Amino acid sequence: MASNPSDGTTKASANHKVNPRVTSRIEDIDLSKLESDGTNQQPDLPDPSPLPATRGLARLMGRTFLTHLTREFNNGRHVAALGYWPRPVGKPPSGYTIYFVNRGSGTGIRVMIFGHPKGPTDSLAHFVEHVVSIIQCNLANCACPLCIGPCRQFDLNAVAVVPAPT
């Protein structure tokens, strides 16, 4: 983070200023313990028997997912909204499930998040905006792109889907 001594702010990124008074407190948040709007939606999974070699990767990706989720949470806008640096631990919010999807083109794995009332998403940034509303107990006024956008569906028939470890 770069500091700007002239106005007393710390910049979390080029676009977000963070009040330095809120940057010192870090809180672990077990998202699964929060009241949620999760629908328990699940993808139609292929026969899991051809996927045993990827289960170890799924465990590794689970830790990586928490790291990426923490990074996304800790941009200036979310820190300012919550008043502290959130550090997600444990599982996703109740009713939400994280899956890792082989992109099919050999370019790696992407995260798919199921359980939002309007359908799954592969946007971690949009999911985090929604989770901020869950943390604030303000789902009725959530204006994240997932809530205000159209309903979504993904065709997962052509890709390998691996559930994240719980």
Protein backbone atom coordinates (compact mmCIF):
# COMPACT_ATOMS: atom_id res chain seq x y z
CA MET A 1 0.00 0.00 0.00
CA ALA A 2 1.18 3.45 -0.79
CA SER A 3 0.72 6.28 1.66
CA ASN A 4 -0.19 9.81 0.78
CA PRO A 5 1.04 11.95 3.66
CA SER A 6 -0.55 15.14 2.30
CA ASP A 7 -4.12 14.00 2.98
CA GLY A 8 -3.46 11.35 5.65
CA THR A 9 -4.95 8.46 3.69
CA THR A 10 -3.61 5.09 2.70
CA LYS A 11 -4.36 3.82 -0.78
CA ALA A 12 -5.38 0.17 -1.06
CA SER A 13 -5.38 0.53 -4.83
CA ALA A 14 -5.22 3.34 -7.32
CA ASN A 15 -8.99 3.81 -7.10
CA HIS A 16 -9.77 3.41 -3.40
CA LYS A 17 -8.76 5.54 -0.44
CA VAL A 18 -8.92 3.94 2.99
CA ASN A 19 -9.26 5.79 6.26
CA PRO A 20 -6.13 4.80 8.23
CA ARG A 21 -8.18 4.52 11.44
CA VAL A 22 -9.94 1.42 10.11
CA THR A 23 -6.93 -0.27 8.57
CA SER A 24 -5.41 -1.58 11.78
CA ARG A 25 -8.22 -3.92 12.87
CA ILE A 26 -8.42 -7.36 11.28
CA GLU A 27 -11.39 -9.62 12.00
CA ASP A 28 -11.71 -13.30 11.16
CA ILE A 29 -15.18 -13.94 9.77
CA ASP A 30 -16.65 -17.42 9.46
CA LEU A 31 -19.11 -16.64 6.69
CA SER A 32 -21.00 -19.91 7.28
CA LYS A 33 -22.19 -18.58 10.66
CA LEU A 34 -23.92 -15.52 9.16
CA GLU A 35 -27.60 -15.36 8.21
CA SER A 36 -27.65 -15.86 4.47
CA ASP A 37 -29.94 -15.89 1.44
CA GLY A 38 -28.19 -18.94 -0.05
CA THR A 39 -30.46 -21.27 -2.02
CA ASN A 40 -28.37 -24.48 -1.73
CA GLN A 41 -28.32 -24.58 -5.54
CA GLN A 42 -25.95 -27.23 -6.87
CA PRO A 43 -24.75 -27.93 -10.39
CA ASP A 44 -25.61 -31.20 -12.09
CA LEU A 45 -22.29 -32.89 -11.50
CA PRO A 46 -20.85 -35.45 -13.89
CA ASP A 47 -19.98 -38.88 -12.56
CA PRO A 48 -17.23 -38.01 -10.04
CA SER A 49 -15.31 -41.24 -10.65
CA PRO A 50 -13.00 -39.73 -13.33
CA LEU A 51 -12.07 -36.84 -11.01
CA PRO A 52 -10.09 -38.46 -8.14
CA ALA A 53 -6.76 -36.99 -9.26
CA THR A 54 -8.18 -33.49 -9.03
CA ARG A 55 -9.47 -33.79 -5.44
CA GLY A 56 -6.02 -32.88 -4.05
CA LEU A 57 -6.02 -29.88 -6.35
CA ALA A 58 -9.46 -28.94 -5.02
CA ARG A 59 -8.11 -28.89 -1.45
CA LEU A 60 -5.23 -26.68 -2.54
CA MET A 61 -7.61 -24.47 -4.49
CA GLY A 62 -9.80 -24.15 -1.38
CA ARG A 63 -6.93 -22.47 0.47
CA THR A 64 -6.15 -20.40 -2.61
CA PHE A 65 -9.82 -19.39 -2.84
CA LEU A 66 -9.77 -18.05 0.75
CA THR A 67 -6.63 -16.08 -0.08
CA HIS A 68 -8.25 -14.53 -3.18
CA LEU A 69 -11.47 -13.88 -1.26
CA THR A 70 -9.49 -12.06 1.45
CA ARG A 71 -7.72 -9.94 -1.19
CA GLU A 72 -11.01 -9.02 -2.83
CA PHE A 73 -12.58 -8.13 0.53
CA ASN A 74 -9.67 -5.93 1.49
CA ASN A 75 -9.97 -3.31 -1.19
CA GLY A 76 -10.69 0.17 0.07
CA ARG A 77 -14.40 0.19 -0.68
CA HIS A 78 -15.19 -2.94 1.36
CA VAL A 79 -12.89 -1.96 4.23
CA ALA A 80 -14.53 1.46 4.37
CA ALA A 81 -18.02 -0.09 4.31
CA LEU A 82 -17.24 -2.57 7.09
CA GLY A 83 -14.84 -0.46 9.17
CA TYR A 84 -12.21 -3.22 9.44
CA TRP A 85 -10.12 -5.61 7.37
CA PRO A 86 -12.21 -8.82 7.04
CA ARG A 87 -10.37 -12.15 6.83
CA PRO A 88 -12.75 -14.93 5.72
CA VAL A 89 -12.16 -18.28 7.39
CA GLY A 90 -13.96 -21.59 7.15
CA LYS A 91 -16.76 -22.11 4.68
CA PRO A 92 -18.84 -19.88 2.40
CA PRO A 93 -22.14 -18.43 3.63
CA SER A 94 -24.88 -20.96 4.37
CA GLY A 95 -26.55 -22.11 1.16
CA TYR A 96 -23.56 -21.19 -1.03
CA THR A 97 -21.17 -23.73 -2.54
CA ILE A 98 -17.84 -23.12 -4.23
CA TYR A 99 -16.84 -25.29 -7.19
CA PHE A 100 -13.72 -25.36 -9.30
CA VAL A 101 -14.38 -25.71 -13.01
CA ASN A 102 -11.86 -26.87 -15.58
CA ARG A 103 -12.02 -24.20 -18.28
CA GLY A 104 -11.96 -26.94 -20.91
CA SER A 105 -9.46 -25.10 -23.06
CA GLY A 106 -6.48 -26.19 -20.98
CA THR A 107 -6.06 -22.69 -19.58
CA GLY A 108 -6.65 -23.62 -15.95
CA ILE A 109 -9.41 -23.61 -13.41
CA ARG A 110 -12.01 -20.99 -12.59
CA VAL A 111 -14.14 -20.62 -9.50
CA MET A 112 -17.92 -21.03 -9.74
CA ILE A 113 -20.10 -19.90 -6.84
CA PHE A 114 -23.55 -21.48 -6.54
CA GLY A 115 -26.37 -20.49 -4.20
CA HIS A 116 -27.26 -16.91 -5.10
CA PRO A 117 -31.03 -16.49 -5.61
CA LYS A 118 -30.46 -15.29 -9.20
CA GLY A 119 -28.08 -18.10 -10.14
CA PRO A 120 -24.40 -19.00 -10.09
CA THR A 121 -21.54 -16.63 -10.78
CA ASP A 122 -17.89 -16.87 -11.69
CA SER A 123 -17.21 -13.32 -10.50
CA LEU A 124 -15.44 -13.24 -7.16
CA ALA A 125 -15.74 -9.44 -7.10
CA HIS A 126 -19.54 -9.58 -7.46
CA PHE A 127 -19.81 -12.35 -4.85
CA VAL A 128 -17.79 -10.31 -2.34
CA GLU A 129 -20.03 -7.28 -2.86
CA HIS A 130 -22.99 -9.51 -2.01
CA VAL A 131 -21.23 -10.99 1.03
CA VAL A 132 -20.61 -7.47 2.38
CA SER A 133 -24.42 -7.06 2.43
CA ILE A 134 -24.69 -10.43 4.23
CA ILE A 135 -22.14 -9.29 6.85
CA GLN A 136 -24.00 -6.00 7.31
CA CYS A 137 -27.38 -7.83 7.61
CA ASN A 138 -28.61 -5.65 4.76
CA LEU A 139 -29.64 -8.11 2.04
CA ALA A 140 -32.93 -6.30 1.43
CA ASN A 141 -30.96 -3.33 0.08
CA CYS A 142 -28.15 -5.23 -1.65
CA ALA A 143 -27.23 -3.45 -4.87
CA CYS A 144 -24.48 -5.84 -5.99
CA PRO A 145 -24.43 -6.79 -9.69
CA LEU A 146 -25.71 -10.26 -8.77
CA CYS A 147 -28.88 -8.87 -7.17
CA ILE A 148 -29.65 -6.13 -9.68
CA GLY A 149 -28.63 -8.07 -12.79
CA PRO A 150 -30.51 -10.75 -14.72
CA CYS A 151 -30.87 -14.36 -13.61
CA ARG A 152 -27.90 -16.50 -14.68
CA GLN A 153 -27.30 -20.07 -15.83
CA PHE A 154 -24.11 -21.83 -16.86
CA ASP A 155 -23.79 -24.87 -19.09
CA LEU A 156 -21.43 -27.14 -17.20
CA ASN A 157 -21.96 -30.25 -19.33
CA ALA A 158 -18.67 -29.88 -21.20
CA VAL A 159 -16.38 -29.21 -18.25
CA ALA A 160 -15.18 -31.09 -15.19
CA VAL A 161 -16.64 -29.65 -12.00
CA VAL A 162 -14.93 -30.39 -8.70
CA PRO A 163 -16.58 -29.45 -5.40
CA ALA A 164 -14.34 -27.46 -3.12
CA PRO A 165 -13.44 -29.24 0.11
CA THR A 166 -15.59 -28.46 3.12
